[in-house]
PDB file of N, CA and C in Angstrom:
ATOM      1  N   MET A   1     131.684 -15.506  87.772  1.00  0.00           N
ATOM      2  CA  MET A   1     130.505 -14.684  87.936  1.00  0.00           C
ATOM      3  C   MET A   1     129.284 -15.459  87.451  1.00  0.00           C
ATOM      4  N   GLU A   2     128.192 -15.320  88.164  1.00  0.00           N
ATOM      5  CA  GLU A   2     126.935 -15.952  87.782  1.00  0.00           C
ATOM      6  C   GLU A   2     125.878 -14.879  87.615  1.00  0.00           C
ATOM      7  N   LEU A   3     125.228 -14.861  86.460  1.00  0.00           N
ATOM      8  CA  LEU A   3     124.118 -13.942  86.201  1.00  0.00           C
ATOM      9  C   LEU A   3     122.899 -14.777  85.835  1.00  0.00           C
ATOM     10  N   ARG A   4     121.749 -14.417  86.408  1.00  0.00           N
ATOM     11  CA  ARG A   4     120.517 -15.137  86.094  1.00  0.00           C
ATOM     12  C   ARG A   4     119.421 -14.124  85.797  1.00  0.00           C
ATOM     13  N   LEU A   5     118.666 -14.378  84.765  1.00  0.00           N
ATOM     14  CA  LEU A   5     117.485 -13.572  84.494  1.00  0.00           C
ATOM     15  C   LEU A   5     116.354 -14.153  85.325  1.00  0.00           C
ATOM     16  N   GLU A   6     115.829 -13.364  86.248  1.00  0.00           N
ATOM     17  CA  GLU A   6     114.788 -13.881  87.127  1.00  0.00           C
ATOM     18  C   GLU A   6     113.509 -13.071  87.120  1.00  0.00           C
ATOM     19  N   VAL A   7     113.550 -11.811  86.658  1.00  0.00           N
ATOM     20  CA  VAL A   7     112.348 -10.986  86.643  1.00  0.00           C
ATOM     21  C   VAL A   7     112.312 -10.162  85.359  1.00  0.00           C
ATOM     22  N   VAL A   8     111.148 -10.152  84.710  1.00  0.00           N
ATOM     23  CA  VAL A   8     110.931  -9.344  83.514  1.00  0.00           C
ATOM     24  C   VAL A   8     109.712  -8.459  83.767  1.00  0.00           C
ATOM     25  N   GLN A   9     109.850  -7.169  83.514  1.00  0.00           N
ATOM     26  CA  GLN A   9     108.714  -6.263  83.650  1.00  0.00           C
ATOM     27  C   GLN A   9     107.842  -6.332  82.402  1.00  0.00           C
ATOM     28  N   VAL A  10     106.536  -6.383  82.617  1.00  0.00           N
ATOM     29  CA  VAL A  10     105.566  -6.422  81.531  1.00  0.00           C
ATOM     30  C   VAL A  10     104.693  -5.168  81.662  1.00  0.00           C
ATOM     31  N   PRO A  11     104.725  -4.278  80.654  1.00  0.00           N
ATOM     32  CA  PRO A  11     103.975  -3.023  80.758  1.00  0.00           C
ATOM     33  C   PRO A  11     102.479  -3.207  80.503  1.00  0.00           C
ATOM     34  N   VAL A  12     101.665  -2.801  81.466  1.00  0.00           N
ATOM     35  CA  VAL A  12     100.212  -2.937  81.353  1.00  0.00           C
ATOM     36  C   VAL A  12      99.539  -1.615  81.722  1.00  0.00           C
ATOM     37  N   SER A  13      98.319  -1.434  81.236  1.00  0.00           N
ATOM     38  CA  SER A  13      97.576  -0.202  81.527  1.00  0.00           C
ATOM     39  C   SER A  13      96.667  -0.346  82.740  1.00  0.00           C
ATOM     40  N   ASP A  14      96.199  -1.552  83.015  1.00  0.00           N
ATOM     41  CA  ASP A  14      95.285  -1.802  84.126  1.00  0.00           C
ATOM     42  C   ASP A  14      95.840  -2.987  84.923  1.00  0.00           C
ATOM     43  N   VAL A  15      96.433  -2.689  86.052  1.00  0.00           N
ATOM     44  CA  VAL A  15      97.133  -3.710  86.836  1.00  0.00           C
ATOM     45  C   VAL A  15      96.188  -4.808  87.303  1.00  0.00           C
ATOM     46  N   ASP A  16      95.030  -4.457  87.784  1.00  0.00           N
ATOM     47  CA  ASP A  16      94.107  -5.485  88.285  1.00  0.00           C
ATOM     48  C   ASP A  16      93.600  -6.380  87.166  1.00  0.00           C
ATOM     49  N   ARG A  17      93.310  -5.808  86.007  1.00  0.00           N
ATOM     50  CA  ARG A  17      92.872  -6.609  84.850  1.00  0.00           C
ATOM     51  C   ARG A  17      93.987  -7.559  84.416  1.00  0.00           C
ATOM     52  N   ALA A  18      95.217  -7.052  84.352  1.00  0.00           N
ATOM     53  CA  ALA A  18      96.356  -7.887  83.947  1.00  0.00           C
ATOM     54  C   ALA A  18      96.633  -8.968  84.988  1.00  0.00           C
ATOM     55  N   LYS A  19      96.548  -8.606  86.248  1.00  0.00           N
ATOM     56  CA  LYS A  19      96.769  -9.586  87.326  1.00  0.00           C
ATOM     57  C   LYS A  19      95.763 -10.730  87.204  1.00  0.00           C
ATOM     58  N   ALA A  20      94.499 -10.411  86.945  1.00  0.00           N
ATOM     59  CA  ALA A  20      93.471 -11.444  86.781  1.00  0.00           C
ATOM     60  C   ALA A  20      93.777 -12.309  85.554  1.00  0.00           C
ATOM     61  N   PHE A  21      94.199 -11.700  84.443  1.00  0.00           N
ATOM     62  CA  PHE A  21      94.531 -12.465  83.245  1.00  0.00           C
ATOM     63  C   PHE A  21      95.666 -13.438  83.523  1.00  0.00           C
ATOM     64  N   TYR A  22      96.756 -12.941  84.100  1.00  0.00           N
ATOM     65  CA  TYR A  22      97.927 -13.795  84.305  1.00  0.00           C
ATOM     66  C   TYR A  22      97.675 -14.893  85.334  1.00  0.00           C
ATOM     67  N   THR A  23      96.884 -14.625  86.358  1.00  0.00           N
ATOM     68  CA  THR A  23      96.616 -15.674  87.352  1.00  0.00           C
ATOM     69  C   THR A  23      95.496 -16.608  86.903  1.00  0.00           C
ATOM     70  N   ASP A  24      94.373 -16.050  86.475  1.00  0.00           N
ATOM     71  CA  ASP A  24      93.200 -16.872  86.146  1.00  0.00           C
ATOM     72  C   ASP A  24      93.318 -17.592  84.809  1.00  0.00           C
ATOM     73  N   GLN A  25      93.881 -16.926  83.803  1.00  0.00           N
ATOM     74  CA  GLN A  25      93.904 -17.525  82.469  1.00  0.00           C
ATOM     75  C   GLN A  25      95.216 -18.224  82.136  1.00  0.00           C
ATOM     76  N   LEU A  26      96.347 -17.654  82.559  1.00  0.00           N
ATOM     77  CA  LEU A  26      97.623 -18.299  82.232  1.00  0.00           C
ATOM     78  C   LEU A  26      98.180 -19.153  83.362  1.00  0.00           C
ATOM     79  N   GLY A  27      97.657 -19.034  84.569  1.00  0.00           N
ATOM     80  CA  GLY A  27      98.082 -19.910  85.655  1.00  0.00           C
ATOM     81  C   GLY A  27      99.275 -19.441  86.462  1.00  0.00           C
ATOM     82  N   PHE A  28      99.655 -18.154  86.328  1.00  0.00           N
ATOM     83  CA  PHE A  28     100.727 -17.620  87.164  1.00  0.00           C
ATOM     84  C   PHE A  28     100.257 -17.596  88.614  1.00  0.00           C
ATOM     85  N   VAL A  29     101.210 -17.712  89.538  1.00  0.00           N
ATOM     86  CA  VAL A  29     100.929 -17.633  90.970  1.00  0.00           C
ATOM     87  C   VAL A  29     101.351 -16.247  91.445  1.00  0.00           C
ATOM     88  N   LEU A  30     100.509 -15.621  92.251  1.00  0.00           N
ATOM     89  CA  LEU A  30     100.821 -14.304  92.805  1.00  0.00           C
ATOM     90  C   LEU A  30     101.867 -14.442  93.900  1.00  0.00           C
ATOM     91  N   ASP A  31     103.040 -13.816  93.697  1.00  0.00           N
ATOM     92  CA  ASP A  31     104.087 -13.813  94.719  1.00  0.00           C
ATOM     93  C   ASP A  31     103.846 -12.691  95.715  1.00  0.00           C
ATOM     94  N   HIS A  32     103.593 -11.500  95.198  1.00  0.00           N
ATOM     95  CA  HIS A  32     103.240 -10.379  96.064  1.00  0.00           C
ATOM     96  C   HIS A  32     102.614  -9.250  95.258  1.00  0.00           C
ATOM     97  N   ASP A  33     101.871  -8.411  95.970  1.00  0.00           N
ATOM     98  CA  ASP A  33     101.210  -7.238  95.399  1.00  0.00           C
ATOM     99  C   ASP A  33     101.365  -6.156  96.453  1.00  0.00           C
ATOM    100  N   VAL A  34     102.350  -5.278  96.249  1.00  0.00           N
ATOM    101  CA  VAL A  34     102.667  -4.268  97.264  1.00  0.00           C
ATOM    102  C   VAL A  34     102.839  -2.896  96.634  1.00  0.00           C
ATOM    103  N   GLU A  35     102.603  -1.887  97.442  1.00  0.00           N
ATOM    104  CA  GLU A  35     102.888  -0.513  97.048  1.00  0.00           C
ATOM    105  C   GLU A  35     104.035  -0.039  97.934  1.00  0.00           C
ATOM    106  N   HIS A  36     105.262  -0.111  97.372  1.00  0.00           N
ATOM    107  CA  HIS A  36     106.458   0.230  98.140  1.00  0.00           C
ATOM    108  C   HIS A  36     106.461   1.690  98.563  1.00  0.00           C
ATOM    109  N   ILE A  37     106.138   2.542  97.633  1.00  0.00           N
ATOM    110  CA  ILE A  37     106.016   3.979  97.894  1.00  0.00           C
ATOM    111  C   ILE A  37     104.752   4.445  97.173  1.00  0.00           C
ATOM    112  N   PRO A  38     104.159   5.550  97.583  1.00  0.00           N
ATOM    113  CA  PRO A  38     102.944   6.004  96.910  1.00  0.00           C
ATOM    114  C   PRO A  38     103.160   6.128  95.394  1.00  0.00           C
ATOM    115  N   GLY A  39     102.256   5.504  94.627  1.00  0.00           N
ATOM    116  CA  GLY A  39     102.330   5.554  93.175  1.00  0.00           C
ATOM    117  C   GLY A  39     103.163   4.463  92.541  1.00  0.00           C
ATOM    118  N   MET A  40     103.802   3.614  93.353  1.00  0.00           N
ATOM    119  CA  MET A  40     104.615   2.521  92.808  1.00  0.00           C
ATOM    120  C   MET A  40     104.072   1.188  93.331  1.00  0.00           C
ATOM    121  N   ARG A  41     103.249   0.555  92.525  1.00  0.00           N
ATOM    122  CA  ARG A  41     102.677  -0.748  92.866  1.00  0.00           C
ATOM    123  C   ARG A  41     103.443  -1.819  92.117  1.00  0.00           C
ATOM    124  N   VAL A  42     103.847  -2.859  92.831  1.00  0.00           N
ATOM    125  CA  VAL A  42     104.620  -3.948  92.244  1.00  0.00           C
ATOM    126  C   VAL A  42     103.870  -5.259  92.482  1.00  0.00           C
ATOM    127  N   VAL A  43     103.506  -5.910  91.380  1.00  0.00           N
ATOM    128  CA  VAL A  43     102.819  -7.200  91.431  1.00  0.00           C
ATOM    129  C   VAL A  43     103.738  -8.206  90.750  1.00  0.00           C
ATOM    130  N   GLN A  44     104.258  -9.151  91.545  1.00  0.00           N
ATOM    131  CA  GLN A  44     105.159 -10.166  90.999  1.00  0.00           C
ATOM    132  C   GLN A  44     104.413 -11.484  90.889  1.00  0.00           C
ATOM    133  N   LEU A  45     104.565 -12.121  89.708  1.00  0.00           N
ATOM    134  CA  LEU A  45     103.862 -13.365  89.392  1.00  0.00           C
ATOM    135  C   LEU A  45     104.850 -14.368  88.822  1.00  0.00           C
ATOM    136  N   THR A  46     104.673 -15.649  89.175  1.00  0.00           N
ATOM    137  CA  THR A  46     105.572 -16.693  88.707  1.00  0.00           C
ATOM    138  C   THR A  46     104.761 -17.916  88.297  1.00  0.00           C
ATOM    139  N   LEU A  47     105.152 -18.515  87.181  1.00  0.00           N
ATOM    140  CA  LEU A  47     104.522 -19.774  86.779  1.00  0.00           C
ATOM    141  C   LEU A  47     105.055 -20.907  87.654  1.00  0.00           C
ATOM    142  N   PRO A  48     104.219 -21.863  88.041  1.00  0.00           N
ATOM    143  CA  PRO A  48     104.698 -22.995  88.824  1.00  0.00           C
ATOM    144  C   PRO A  48     105.870 -23.683  88.120  1.00  0.00           C
ATOM    145  N   GLY A  49     106.948 -23.903  88.837  1.00  0.00           N
ATOM    146  CA  GLY A  49     108.121 -24.569  88.287  1.00  0.00           C
ATOM    147  C   GLY A  49     109.093 -23.668  87.553  1.00  0.00           C
ATOM    148  N   SER A  50     108.757 -22.390  87.392  1.00  0.00           N
ATOM    149  CA  SER A  50     109.624 -21.480  86.648  1.00  0.00           C
ATOM    150  C   SER A  50     110.616 -20.775  87.571  1.00  0.00           C
ATOM    151  N   ALA A  51     111.818 -20.552  87.067  1.00  0.00           N
ATOM    152  CA  ALA A  51     112.812 -19.802  87.826  1.00  0.00           C
ATOM    153  C   ALA A  51     112.669 -18.307  87.589  1.00  0.00           C
ATOM    154  N   ALA A  52     111.914 -17.907  86.583  1.00  0.00           N
ATOM    155  CA  ALA A  52     111.749 -16.497  86.252  1.00  0.00           C
ATOM    156  C   ALA A  52     110.326 -16.039  86.569  1.00  0.00           C
ATOM    157  N   SER A  53     110.218 -14.780  86.944  1.00  0.00           N
ATOM    158  CA  SER A  53     108.931 -14.166  87.268  1.00  0.00           C
ATOM    159  C   SER A  53     108.682 -12.992  86.345  1.00  0.00           C
ATOM    160  N   ILE A  54     107.440 -12.511  86.350  1.00  0.00           N
ATOM    161  CA  ILE A  54     107.131 -11.254  85.695  1.00  0.00           C
ATOM    162  C   ILE A  54     106.677 -10.270  86.760  1.00  0.00           C
ATOM    163  N   VAL A  55     106.809  -8.995  86.443  1.00  0.00           N
ATOM    164  CA  VAL A  55     106.335  -7.935  87.324  1.00  0.00           C
ATOM    165  C   VAL A  55     105.462  -7.008  86.496  1.00  0.00           C
ATOM    166  N   ILE A  56     104.279  -6.727  87.005  1.00  0.00           N
ATOM    167  CA  ILE A  56     103.404  -5.716  86.442  1.00  0.00           C
ATOM    168  C   ILE A  56     103.171  -4.695  87.544  1.00  0.00           C
ATOM    169  N   GLY A  57     102.759  -3.516  87.183  1.00  0.00           N
ATOM    170  CA  GLY A  57     102.502  -2.536  88.220  1.00  0.00           C
ATOM    171  C   GLY A  57     102.437  -1.132  87.685  1.00  0.00           C
ATOM    172  N   THR A  58     102.654  -0.181  88.587  1.00  0.00           N
ATOM    173  CA  THR A  58     102.630   1.237  88.242  1.00  0.00           C
ATOM    174  C   THR A  58     103.880   1.909  88.779  1.00  0.00           C
ATOM    175  N   GLY A  59     104.311   2.945  88.082  1.00  0.00           N
ATOM    176  CA  GLY A  59     105.424   3.753  88.553  1.00  0.00           C
ATOM    177  C   GLY A  59     106.784   3.099  88.463  1.00  0.00           C
ATOM    178  N   MET A  60     106.941   2.102  87.598  1.00  0.00           N
ATOM    179  CA  MET A  60     108.209   1.369  87.542  1.00  0.00           C
ATOM    180  C   MET A  60     109.007   1.618  86.270  1.00  0.00           C
ATOM    181  N   ASN A  61     108.336   1.870  85.148  1.00  0.00           N
ATOM    182  CA  ASN A  61     109.061   2.000  83.883  1.00  0.00           C
ATOM    183  C   ASN A  61     108.311   2.925  82.938  1.00  0.00           C
ATOM    184  N   SER A  62     108.925   3.216  81.814  1.00  0.00           N
ATOM    185  CA  SER A  62     108.297   4.092  80.822  1.00  0.00           C
ATOM    186  C   SER A  62     107.858   3.324  79.572  1.00  0.00           C
ATOM    187  N   MET A  63     107.847   1.995  79.644  1.00  0.00           N
ATOM    188  CA  MET A  63     107.416   1.207  78.486  1.00  0.00           C
ATOM    189  C   MET A  63     105.924   1.429  78.228  1.00  0.00           C
ATOM    190  N   VAL A  64     105.557   1.402  76.961  1.00  0.00           N
ATOM    191  CA  VAL A  64     104.167   1.562  76.568  1.00  0.00           C
ATOM    192  C   VAL A  64     103.423   0.245  76.812  1.00  0.00           C
ATOM    193  N   PRO A  65     102.259   0.292  77.487  1.00  0.00           N
ATOM    194  CA  PRO A  65     101.493  -0.939  77.681  1.00  0.00           C
ATOM    195  C   PRO A  65     101.239  -1.636  76.341  1.00  0.00           C
ATOM    196  N   GLY A  66     101.478  -2.944  76.325  1.00  0.00           N
ATOM    197  CA  GLY A  66     101.264  -3.732  75.128  1.00  0.00           C
ATOM    198  C   GLY A  66     102.446  -3.779  74.179  1.00  0.00           C
ATOM    199  N   SER A  67     103.566  -3.172  74.545  1.00  0.00           N
ATOM    200  CA  SER A  67     104.716  -3.085  73.627  1.00  0.00           C
ATOM    201  C   SER A  67     105.684  -4.261  73.729  1.00  0.00           C
ATOM    202  N   LEU A  68     105.466  -5.149  74.674  1.00  0.00           N
ATOM    203  CA  LEU A  68     106.386  -6.272  74.855  1.00  0.00           C
ATOM    204  C   LEU A  68     106.037  -7.411  73.903  1.00  0.00           C
ATOM    205  N   GLU A  69     107.046  -7.962  73.258  1.00  0.00           N
ATOM    206  CA  GLU A  69     106.837  -9.078  72.342  1.00  0.00           C
ATOM    207  C   GLU A  69     107.910 -10.130  72.537  1.00  0.00           C
ATOM    208  N   GLY A  70     107.537 -11.386  72.304  1.00  0.00           N
ATOM    209  CA  GLY A  70     108.520 -12.444  72.193  1.00  0.00           C
ATOM    210  C   GLY A  70     108.910 -13.175  73.458  1.00  0.00           C
ATOM    211  N   LEU A  71     108.301 -12.862  74.599  1.00  0.00           N
ATOM    212  CA  LEU A  71     108.593 -13.688  75.766  1.00  0.00           C
ATOM    213  C   LEU A  71     108.077 -15.085  75.459  1.00  0.00           C
ATOM    214  N   GLN A  72     108.859 -16.072  75.822  1.00  0.00           N
ATOM    215  CA  GLN A  72     108.551 -17.438  75.413  1.00  0.00           C
ATOM    216  C   GLN A  72     108.273 -18.319  76.615  1.00  0.00           C
ATOM    217  N   LEU A  73     107.159 -19.023  76.540  1.00  0.00           N
ATOM    218  CA  LEU A  73     106.798 -20.024  77.533  1.00  0.00           C
ATOM    219  C   LEU A  73     107.031 -21.383  76.892  1.00  0.00           C
ATOM    220  N   VAL A  74     107.730 -22.270  77.578  1.00  0.00           N
ATOM    221  CA  VAL A  74     108.058 -23.583  77.026  1.00  0.00           C
ATOM    222  C   VAL A  74     107.222 -24.632  77.739  1.00  0.00           C
ATOM    223  N   VAL A  75     106.617 -25.505  76.939  1.00  0.00           N
ATOM    224  CA  VAL A  75     105.779 -26.578  77.471  1.00  0.00           C
ATOM    225  C   VAL A  75     106.238 -27.911  76.896  1.00  0.00           C
ATOM    226  N   PRO A  76     106.079 -29.014  77.635  1.00  0.00           N
ATOM    227  CA  PRO A  76     106.472 -30.319  77.101  1.00  0.00           C
ATOM    228  C   PRO A  76     105.422 -30.907  76.155  1.00  0.00           C
ATOM    229  N   ASP A  77     104.158 -30.451  76.249  1.00  0.00           N
ATOM    230  CA  ASP A  77     103.079 -31.013  75.444  1.00  0.00           C
ATOM    231  C   ASP A  77     102.140 -29.877  75.033  1.00  0.00           C
ATOM    232  N   MET A  78     102.231 -29.449  73.778  1.00  0.00           N
ATOM    233  CA  MET A  78     101.444 -28.308  73.296  1.00  0.00           C
ATOM    234  C   MET A  78      99.953 -28.574  73.402  1.00  0.00           C
ATOM    235  N   ALA A  79      99.517 -29.757  72.992  1.00  0.00           N
ATOM    236  CA  ALA A  79      98.083 -30.053  73.000  1.00  0.00           C
ATOM    237  C   ALA A  79      97.517 -29.948  74.409  1.00  0.00           C
ATOM    238  N   GLU A  80      98.211 -30.521  75.359  1.00  0.00           N
ATOM    239  CA  GLU A  80      97.753 -30.478  76.755  1.00  0.00           C
ATOM    240  C   GLU A  80      97.742 -29.045  77.278  1.00  0.00           C
ATOM    241  N   ALA A  81      98.829 -28.307  77.039  1.00  0.00           N
ATOM    242  CA  ALA A  81      98.922 -26.933  77.533  1.00  0.00           C
ATOM    243  C   ALA A  81      97.855 -26.056  76.890  1.00  0.00           C
ATOM    244  N   ARG A  82      97.704 -26.169  75.577  1.00  0.00           N
ATOM    245  CA  ARG A  82      96.733 -25.327  74.879  1.00  0.00           C
ATOM    246  C   ARG A  82      95.312 -25.639  75.346  1.00  0.00           C
ATOM    247  N   THR A  83      94.995 -26.915  75.506  1.00  0.00           N
ATOM    248  CA  THR A  83      93.664 -27.300  75.981  1.00  0.00           C
ATOM    249  C   THR A  83      93.375 -26.652  77.326  1.00  0.00           C
ATOM    250  N   GLU A  84      94.332 -26.706  78.242  1.00  0.00           N
ATOM    251  CA  GLU A  84      94.136 -26.121  79.576  1.00  0.00           C
ATOM    252  C   GLU A  84      94.009 -24.601  79.499  1.00  0.00           C
ATOM    253  N   LEU A  85      94.859 -23.957  78.709  1.00  0.00           N
ATOM    254  CA  LEU A  85      94.805 -22.495  78.603  1.00  0.00           C
ATOM    255  C   LEU A  85      93.487 -22.029  77.982  1.00  0.00           C
ATOM    256  N   VAL A  86      93.040 -22.702  76.944  1.00  0.00           N
ATOM    257  CA  VAL A  86      91.766 -22.350  76.314  1.00  0.00           C
ATOM    258  C   VAL A  86      90.623 -22.582  77.301  1.00  0.00           C
ATOM    259  N   ARG A  87      90.689 -23.659  78.066  1.00  0.00           N
ATOM    260  CA  ARG A  87      89.671 -23.925  79.090  1.00  0.00           C
ATOM    261  C   ARG A  87      89.597 -22.784  80.093  1.00  0.00           C
ATOM    262  N   ARG A  88      90.749 -22.185  80.400  1.00  0.00           N
ATOM    263  CA  ARG A  88      90.802 -21.069  81.343  1.00  0.00           C
ATOM    264  C   ARG A  88      90.380 -19.743  80.697  1.00  0.00           C
ATOM    265  N   GLY A  89      90.163 -19.760  79.374  1.00  0.00           N
ATOM    266  CA  GLY A  89      89.727 -18.546  78.688  1.00  0.00           C
ATOM    267  C   GLY A  89      90.828 -17.753  78.015  1.00  0.00           C
ATOM    268  N   ALA A  90      92.039 -18.293  77.952  1.00  0.00           N
ATOM    269  CA  ALA A  90      93.153 -17.590  77.310  1.00  0.00           C
ATOM    270  C   ALA A  90      93.018 -17.680  75.793  1.00  0.00           C
ATOM    271  N   PRO A  91      93.241 -16.578  75.089  1.00  0.00           N
ATOM    272  CA  PRO A  91      93.106 -16.564  73.629  1.00  0.00           C
ATOM    273  C   PRO A  91      94.355 -17.100  72.923  1.00  0.00           C
ATOM    274  N   VAL A  92      94.553 -18.398  72.991  1.00  0.00           N
ATOM    275  CA  VAL A  92      95.745 -19.033  72.425  1.00  0.00           C
ATOM    276  C   VAL A  92      95.486 -19.403  70.963  1.00  0.00           C
ATOM    277  N   SER A  93      96.437 -19.068  70.100  1.00  0.00           N
ATOM    278  CA  SER A  93      96.305 -19.396  68.676  1.00  0.00           C
ATOM    279  C   SER A  93      96.426 -20.900  68.456  1.00  0.00           C
ATOM    280  N   GLU A  94      96.075 -21.321  67.268  1.00  0.00           N
ATOM    281  CA  GLU A  94      96.314 -22.707  66.867  1.00  0.00           C
ATOM    282  C   GLU A  94      97.821 -22.905  66.745  1.00  0.00           C
ATOM    283  N   PRO A  95      98.344 -24.067  67.125  1.00  0.00           N
ATOM    284  CA  PRO A  95      99.783 -24.316  66.999  1.00  0.00           C
ATOM    285  C   PRO A  95     100.223 -24.370  65.537  1.00  0.00           C
ATOM    286  N   GLN A  96     101.450 -23.952  65.305  1.00  0.00           N
ATOM    287  CA  GLN A  96     102.072 -24.012  63.980  1.00  0.00           C
ATOM    288  C   GLN A  96     103.356 -24.815  64.100  1.00  0.00           C
ATOM    289  N   ASP A  97     103.593 -25.695  63.142  1.00  0.00           N
ATOM    290  CA  ASP A  97     104.839 -26.454  63.111  1.00  0.00           C
ATOM    291  C   ASP A  97     105.896 -25.599  62.426  1.00  0.00           C
ATOM    292  N   MET A  98     106.943 -25.281  63.149  1.00  0.00           N
ATOM    293  CA  MET A  98     108.018 -24.438  62.627  1.00  0.00           C
ATOM    294  C   MET A  98     109.296 -25.268  62.572  1.00  0.00           C
ATOM    295  N   GLY A  99     109.349 -26.211  61.669  1.00  0.00           N
ATOM    296  CA  GLY A  99     110.543 -27.018  61.500  1.00  0.00           C
ATOM    297  C   GLY A  99     110.747 -28.051  62.577  1.00  0.00           C
ATOM    298  N   GLY A 100     109.687 -28.711  62.985  1.00  0.00           N
ATOM    299  CA  GLY A 100     109.801 -29.761  63.982  1.00  0.00           C
ATOM    300  C   GLY A 100     109.453 -29.328  65.393  1.00  0.00           C
ATOM    301  N   PHE A 101     109.203 -28.051  65.590  1.00  0.00           N
ATOM    302  CA  PHE A 101     108.783 -27.547  66.891  1.00  0.00           C
ATOM    303  C   PHE A 101     107.444 -26.844  66.730  1.00  0.00           C
ATOM    304  N   LEU A 102     106.552 -27.053  67.680  1.00  0.00           N
ATOM    305  CA  LEU A 102     105.254 -26.402  67.639  1.00  0.00           C
ATOM    306  C   LEU A 102     105.303 -25.082  68.394  1.00  0.00           C
ATOM    307  N   PHE A 103     104.681 -24.065  67.799  1.00  0.00           N
ATOM    308  CA  PHE A 103     104.589 -22.741  68.411  1.00  0.00           C
ATOM    309  C   PHE A 103     103.141 -22.281  68.367  1.00  0.00           C
ATOM    310  N   ALA A 104     102.718 -21.583  69.404  1.00  0.00           N
ATOM    311  CA  ALA A 104     101.419 -20.919  69.439  1.00  0.00           C
ATOM    312  C   ALA A 104     101.664 -19.548  70.064  1.00  0.00           C
ATOM    313  N   SER A 105     100.669 -18.695  70.031  1.00  0.00           N
ATOM    314  CA  SER A 105     100.842 -17.375  70.634  1.00  0.00           C
ATOM    315  C   SER A 105      99.620 -17.010  71.460  1.00  0.00           C
ATOM    316  N   VAL A 106      99.833 -16.077  72.371  1.00  0.00           N
ATOM    317  CA  VAL A 106      98.762 -15.558  73.214  1.00  0.00           C
ATOM    318  C   VAL A 106      99.153 -14.127  73.575  1.00  0.00           C
ATOM    319  N   SER A 107      98.142 -13.265  73.650  1.00  0.00           N
ATOM    320  CA  SER A 107      98.379 -11.875  74.032  1.00  0.00           C
ATOM    321  C   SER A 107      97.565 -11.544  75.272  1.00  0.00           C
ATOM    322  N   ASP A 108      98.139 -10.706  76.132  1.00  0.00           N
ATOM    323  CA  ASP A 108      97.404 -10.261  77.314  1.00  0.00           C
ATOM    324  C   ASP A 108      96.417  -9.164  76.900  1.00  0.00           C
ATOM    325  N   PRO A 109      95.589  -8.667  77.818  1.00  0.00           N
ATOM    326  CA  PRO A 109      94.580  -7.670  77.451  1.00  0.00           C
ATOM    327  C   PRO A 109      95.152  -6.382  76.844  1.00  0.00           C
ATOM    328  N   ASP A 110      96.406  -6.055  77.120  1.00  0.00           N
ATOM    329  CA  ASP A 110      97.025  -4.866  76.541  1.00  0.00           C
ATOM    330  C   ASP A 110      97.677  -5.136  75.195  1.00  0.00           C
ATOM    331  N   GLY A 111      97.838  -6.408  74.833  1.00  0.00           N
ATOM    332  CA  GLY A 111      98.479  -6.751  73.574  1.00  0.00           C
ATOM    333  C   GLY A 111      99.924  -7.181  73.701  1.00  0.00           C
ATOM    334  N   ASN A 112     100.444  -7.339  74.928  1.00  0.00           N
ATOM    335  CA  ASN A 112     101.783  -7.915  75.085  1.00  0.00           C
ATOM    336  C   ASN A 112     101.733  -9.330  74.526  1.00  0.00           C
ATOM    337  N   LYS A 113     102.668  -9.643  73.624  1.00  0.00           N
ATOM    338  CA  LYS A 113     102.614 -10.907  72.881  1.00  0.00           C
ATOM    339  C   LYS A 113     103.583 -11.943  73.448  1.00  0.00           C
ATOM    340  N   TRP A 114     103.039 -13.096  73.763  1.00  0.00           N
ATOM    341  CA  TRP A 114     103.798 -14.232  74.279  1.00  0.00           C
ATOM    342  C   TRP A 114     103.818 -15.338  73.232  1.00  0.00           C
ATOM    343  N   VAL A 115     104.886 -16.112  73.219  1.00  0.00           N
ATOM    344  CA  VAL A 115     105.005 -17.280  72.353  1.00  0.00           C
ATOM    345  C   VAL A 115     105.046 -18.516  73.249  1.00  0.00           C
ATOM    346  N   ILE A 116     104.330 -19.549  72.849  1.00  0.00           N
ATOM    347  CA  ILE A 116     104.375 -20.828  73.558  1.00  0.00           C
ATOM    348  C   ILE A 116     105.072 -21.810  72.629  1.00  0.00           C
ATOM    349  N   GLN A 117     106.119 -22.445  73.126  1.00  0.00           N
ATOM    350  CA  GLN A 117     106.887 -23.398  72.317  1.00  0.00           C
ATOM    351  C   GLN A 117     106.849 -24.761  72.978  1.00  0.00           C
ATOM    352  N   GLU A 118     106.600 -25.778  72.166  1.00  0.00           N
ATOM    353  CA  GLU A 118     106.646 -27.132  72.685  1.00  0.00           C
ATOM    354  C   GLU A 118     108.073 -27.666  72.533  1.00  0.00           C
ATOM    355  N   ILE A 119     108.648 -28.055  73.663  1.00  0.00           N
ATOM    356  CA  ILE A 119     109.911 -28.773  73.679  1.00  0.00           C
ATOM    357  C   ILE A 119     109.667 -30.007  74.548  1.00  0.00           C
ATOM    358  N   PRO A 120     109.582 -31.179  73.921  1.00  0.00           N
ATOM    359  CA  PRO A 120     109.336 -32.385  74.713  1.00  0.00           C
ATOM    360  C   PRO A 120     110.379 -32.560  75.811  1.00  0.00           C
ATOM    361  N   ALA A 121     110.010 -33.267  76.846  1.00  0.00           N
ATOM    362  CA  ALA A 121     110.906 -33.485  77.991  1.00  0.00           C
ATOM    363  C   ALA A 121     112.305 -33.883  77.517  1.00  0.00           C
ATOM    364  N   ARG A 122     113.282 -33.275  78.132  1.00  0.00           N
ATOM    365  CA  ARG A 122     114.682 -33.504  77.727  1.00  0.00           C
ATOM    366  C   ARG A 122     115.269 -34.656  78.481  1.00  0.00           C
TER     367      ARG A 122
END
């Protein structure tokens, strides 16, 4: 049996604001933005090179906007990634060395918290 995690729902209060944040500031690519049935809007976004996507929208879950924590984005070079994200306007924290690995954090407009971890090329 093969199981793969490919989509994670991220609870947001304003879909258009979140869509702009994830595409313009974090660099996600819009896969689709559809309303399957009235009241259910599904916006799927994927980072270039990633096998996993996120979904934001309406009518899909009962999670409280801003309640998601700990999704991790992995980068090979923290300085380069942070410089680009800050240039795009993303509120990325200063990196912290956590035992040989660098970590930074960023939150979306609703307060969903992401972690950025540097793992040099393997």
